């Protein structure tokens, strides 16, 4: 099993210690890149888009949380990836 497959499998298992950087890596495997939303008022809202124009909107973890992605965010991303035919 390749490193990529292991990382995707880990993501799909929705571990409680899943970090935001890991999520960025996995979304990158499917062609999604983080869109830079500027300004002080952008808050924790983050947008990822792929070359086909599909967008995933989510909330970035707060720094005091250990940078761990919430379970509901992982479930949302899995749902969107499945709906878009990426998974």
C-alpha atoms as a PDB file:
ATOM      1  CA  UNK A   1       0.000   0.000   0.000  1.00  0.00           C
ATOM      2  CA  UNK A   2       1.422   3.383  -0.993  1.00  0.00           C
ATOM      3  CA  UNK A   3       1.893   6.339   1.323  1.00  0.00           C
ATOM      4  CA  UNK A   4      -0.935   8.120  -0.481  1.00  0.00           C
ATOM      5  CA  UNK A   5      -3.325   5.212   0.092  1.00  0.00           C
ATOM      6  CA  UNK A   6      -2.357   5.065   3.778  1.00  0.00           C
ATOM      7  CA  UNK A   7      -3.026   8.777   4.218  1.00  0.00           C
ATOM      8  CA  UNK A   8      -6.416   8.506   2.508  1.00  0.00           C
ATOM      9  CA  UNK A   9      -7.316   5.459   4.603  1.00  0.00           C
ATOM     10  CA  UNK A  10      -6.340   7.324   7.781  1.00  0.00           C
ATOM     11  CA  UNK A  11      -8.523  10.264   6.736  1.00  0.00           C
ATOM     12  CA  UNK A  12     -11.505   7.995   6.040  1.00  0.00           C
ATOM     13  CA  UNK A  13     -11.178   6.455   9.516  1.00  0.00           C
ATOM     14  CA  UNK A  14     -11.839   9.963  10.989  1.00  0.00           C
ATOM     15  CA  UNK A  15      -9.275   9.816  13.816  1.00  0.00           C
ATOM     16  CA  UNK A  16      -9.576  12.320  16.657  1.00  0.00           C
ATOM     17  CA  UNK A  17      -5.938  13.397  16.215  1.00  0.00           C
ATOM     18  CA  UNK A  18      -6.225  14.306  12.517  1.00  0.00           C
ATOM     19  CA  UNK A  19      -4.345  17.536  11.786  1.00  0.00           C
ATOM     20  CA  UNK A  20      -5.248  20.300   9.364  1.00  0.00           C
ATOM     21  CA  UNK A  21      -1.996  19.857   7.412  1.00  0.00           C
ATOM     22  CA  UNK A  22      -2.919  16.220   6.799  1.00  0.00           C
ATOM     23  CA  UNK A  23      -6.295  17.342   5.436  1.00  0.00           C
ATOM     24  CA  UNK A  24      -4.591  19.765   3.045  1.00  0.00           C
ATOM     25  CA  UNK A  25      -2.382  16.910   1.790  1.00  0.00           C
ATOM     26  CA  UNK A  26      -5.309  14.541   1.211  1.00  0.00           C
ATOM     27  CA  UNK A  27      -7.391  17.192  -0.546  1.00  0.00           C
ATOM     28  CA  UNK A  28      -4.355  17.895  -2.724  1.00  0.00           C
ATOM     29  CA  UNK A  29      -4.421  14.274  -3.887  1.00  0.00           C
ATOM     30  CA  UNK A  30      -7.843  15.009  -5.375  1.00  0.00           C
ATOM     31  CA  UNK A  31      -6.716  18.267  -6.982  1.00  0.00           C
ATOM     32  CA  UNK A  32      -8.100  20.626  -4.341  1.00  0.00           C
ATOM     33  CA  UNK A  33      -6.074  23.681  -3.352  1.00  0.00           C
ATOM     34  CA  UNK A  34      -6.725  26.131  -0.554  1.00  0.00           C
ATOM     35  CA  UNK A  35      -8.020  29.437  -1.829  1.00  0.00           C
ATOM     36  CA  UNK A  36      -6.489  32.422  -0.130  1.00  0.00           C
ATOM     37  CA  UNK A  37      -9.205  34.522   1.430  1.00  0.00           C
ATOM     38  CA  UNK A  38      -7.643  37.661   2.751  1.00  0.00           C
ATOM     39  CA  UNK A  39      -8.447  40.195   5.327  1.00  0.00           C
ATOM     40  CA  UNK A  40      -8.699  40.322   9.057  1.00  0.00           C
ATOM     41  CA  UNK A  41     -12.393  39.494   8.970  1.00  0.00           C
ATOM     42  CA  UNK A  42     -12.106  36.249   7.020  1.00  0.00           C
ATOM     43  CA  UNK A  43     -12.237  34.294  10.297  1.00  0.00           C
ATOM     44  CA  UNK A  44     -11.763  30.541  10.264  1.00  0.00           C
ATOM     45  CA  UNK A  45     -13.682  29.963   7.031  1.00  0.00           C
ATOM     46  CA  UNK A  46     -11.528  28.219   4.421  1.00  0.00           C
ATOM     47  CA  UNK A  47     -12.318  27.328   0.825  1.00  0.00           C
ATOM     48  CA  UNK A  48     -10.745  24.591  -1.278  1.00  0.00           C
ATOM     49  CA  UNK A  49     -11.270  24.325  -5.030  1.00  0.00           C
ATOM     50  CA  UNK A  50     -10.201  21.882  -7.704  1.00  0.00           C
ATOM     51  CA  UNK A  51      -9.436  22.701 -11.356  1.00  0.00           C
ATOM     52  CA  UNK A  52     -12.978  21.670 -12.324  1.00  0.00           C
ATOM     53  CA  UNK A  53     -14.407  24.450 -10.182  1.00  0.00           C
ATOM     54  CA  UNK A  54     -15.736  22.283  -7.377  1.00  0.00           C
ATOM     55  CA  UNK A  55     -15.476  24.007  -4.000  1.00  0.00           C
ATOM     56  CA  UNK A  56     -15.354  22.687  -0.440  1.00  0.00           C
ATOM     57  CA  UNK A  57     -16.069  25.184   2.347  1.00  0.00           C
ATOM     58  CA  UNK A  58     -15.038  24.381   5.903  1.00  0.00           C
ATOM     59  CA  UNK A  59     -13.808  25.839   9.159  1.00  0.00           C
ATOM     60  CA  UNK A  60     -10.111  25.802   9.919  1.00  0.00           C
ATOM     61  CA  UNK A  61      -9.225  24.577  13.434  1.00  0.00           C
ATOM     62  CA  UNK A  62      -8.479  27.216  16.036  1.00  0.00           C
ATOM     63  CA  UNK A  63      -4.841  27.350  17.189  1.00  0.00           C
ATOM     64  CA  UNK A  64      -5.666  26.405  20.793  1.00  0.00           C
ATOM     65  CA  UNK A  65      -7.266  23.150  19.618  1.00  0.00           C
ATOM     66  CA  UNK A  66      -3.936  21.525  18.730  1.00  0.00           C
ATOM     67  CA  UNK A  67      -4.754  22.133  15.042  1.00  0.00           C
ATOM     68  CA  UNK A  68      -6.982  19.034  15.002  1.00  0.00           C
ATOM     69  CA  UNK A  69      -9.790  18.834  12.462  1.00  0.00           C
ATOM     70  CA  UNK A  70     -13.230  18.342  13.987  1.00  0.00           C
ATOM     71  CA  UNK A  71     -15.055  15.120  13.173  1.00  0.00           C
ATOM     72  CA  UNK A  72     -17.993  16.948  11.561  1.00  0.00           C
ATOM     73  CA  UNK A  73     -15.559  18.687   9.185  1.00  0.00           C
ATOM     74  CA  UNK A  74     -14.065  15.348   8.113  1.00  0.00           C
ATOM     75  CA  UNK A  75     -17.574  13.938   7.568  1.00  0.00           C
ATOM     76  CA  UNK A  76     -18.481  16.982   5.461  1.00  0.00           C
ATOM     77  CA  UNK A  77     -15.347  16.631   3.327  1.00  0.00           C
ATOM     78  CA  UNK A  78     -15.940  12.895   2.821  1.00  0.00           C
ATOM     79  CA  UNK A  79     -19.542  13.594   1.809  1.00  0.00           C
ATOM     80  CA  UNK A  80     -18.517  16.264  -0.720  1.00  0.00           C
ATOM     81  CA  UNK A  81     -15.711  14.091  -2.153  1.00  0.00           C
ATOM     82  CA  UNK A  82     -18.175  11.233  -2.626  1.00  0.00           C
ATOM     83  CA  UNK A  83     -20.809  13.493  -4.199  1.00  0.00           C
ATOM     84  CA  UNK A  84     -18.205  14.866  -6.606  1.00  0.00           C
ATOM     85  CA  UNK A  85     -17.064  11.344  -7.545  1.00  0.00           C
ATOM     86  CA  UNK A  86     -13.592  11.808  -6.068  1.00  0.00           C
ATOM     87  CA  UNK A  87     -13.999   8.926  -3.614  1.00  0.00           C
END
